């Protein structure tokens, strides 16, 4: 899926933006886009070996993009 990226399509090390984009897609029920961003997050974490954490004021510390999204999904299914 991510084999043929152009040089301009590289990860720019902004996990908070990735988190916000995914959260917006979820809130606006754009689940296909949300799933695509989730695949990208797992790719970045597993293949690129990058951390996806950022400082969260609501958590008063570091938060992980994938963990935050998983919590968001669990709230919907509750």
Protein backbone atom coordinates (compact mmCIF):
# COMPACT_ATOMS: atom_id res chain seq x y z
CA UNK A 1 0.00 0.00 0.00
CA UNK A 2 2.76 2.48 0.83
CA UNK A 3 5.43 1.06 -1.51
CA UNK A 4 5.23 3.74 -4.19
CA UNK A 5 5.39 7.01 -2.31
CA UNK A 6 6.79 10.12 -3.91
CA UNK A 7 9.63 11.83 -1.99
CA UNK A 8 7.20 14.61 -1.00
CA UNK A 9 4.90 12.03 0.63
CA UNK A 10 7.20 11.27 3.52
CA UNK A 11 6.28 11.21 7.20
CA UNK A 12 6.84 14.68 8.64
CA UNK A 13 6.94 13.65 12.33
CA UNK A 14 3.72 15.34 13.44
CA UNK A 15 1.80 12.63 15.31
CA UNK A 16 -0.59 15.14 16.85
CA UNK A 17 -1.75 16.15 13.37
CA UNK A 18 -2.25 12.51 12.44
CA UNK A 19 -4.29 12.02 15.61
CA UNK A 20 -6.45 15.09 14.95
CA UNK A 21 -7.06 14.10 11.34
CA UNK A 22 -8.16 10.62 12.40
CA UNK A 23 -10.36 11.98 15.18
CA UNK A 24 -12.07 14.36 12.76
CA UNK A 25 -12.72 11.56 10.29
CA UNK A 26 -14.21 9.48 13.12
CA UNK A 27 -16.40 12.31 14.42
CA UNK A 28 -17.72 13.13 10.95
CA UNK A 29 -18.35 9.41 10.33
CA UNK A 30 -15.87 9.23 7.47
CA UNK A 31 -14.87 5.73 8.54
CA UNK A 32 -13.17 4.81 5.26
CA UNK A 33 -10.77 7.76 5.64
CA UNK A 34 -10.34 6.95 9.33
CA UNK A 35 -9.36 3.35 8.51
CA UNK A 36 -6.90 4.61 5.91
CA UNK A 37 -5.25 6.90 8.48
CA UNK A 38 -5.16 4.01 10.93
CA UNK A 39 -3.33 1.87 8.37
CA UNK A 40 -0.88 4.72 7.87
CA UNK A 41 -0.32 4.98 11.64
CA UNK A 42 0.42 1.27 11.94
CA UNK A 43 2.74 1.49 8.94
CA UNK A 44 4.65 4.39 10.52
CA UNK A 45 4.87 2.62 13.85
CA UNK A 46 5.77 -0.87 12.60
CA UNK A 47 7.68 -0.33 9.36
CA UNK A 48 9.25 3.06 9.94
CA UNK A 49 9.80 2.32 13.66
CA UNK A 50 8.61 5.79 14.65
CA UNK A 51 6.93 6.68 17.90
CA UNK A 52 3.47 8.12 17.56
CA UNK A 53 3.29 9.92 20.85
CA UNK A 54 2.62 13.58 21.49
CA UNK A 55 2.00 15.83 24.47
CA UNK A 56 -1.65 15.97 25.42
CA UNK A 57 -2.95 18.67 27.75
CA UNK A 58 -6.06 16.60 28.49
CA UNK A 59 -3.95 13.62 29.57
CA UNK A 60 -1.36 15.85 31.24
CA UNK A 61 1.45 14.02 29.51
CA UNK A 62 2.30 11.86 26.55
CA UNK A 63 -0.43 10.20 24.53
CA UNK A 64 -0.10 7.65 21.72
CA UNK A 65 -2.11 8.16 18.52
CA UNK A 66 -3.18 4.52 18.16
CA UNK A 67 -4.04 4.13 21.84
CA UNK A 68 -6.14 7.30 21.74
CA UNK A 69 -8.01 6.09 18.67
CA UNK A 70 -8.61 2.68 20.29
CA UNK A 71 -10.12 4.41 23.33
CA UNK A 72 -12.30 6.51 21.04
CA UNK A 73 -13.56 3.37 19.27
CA UNK A 74 -14.31 1.65 22.59
CA UNK A 75 -16.41 4.61 23.73
CA UNK A 76 -18.62 4.23 20.66
CA UNK A 77 -19.17 0.53 21.28
CA UNK A 78 -20.08 1.11 24.96
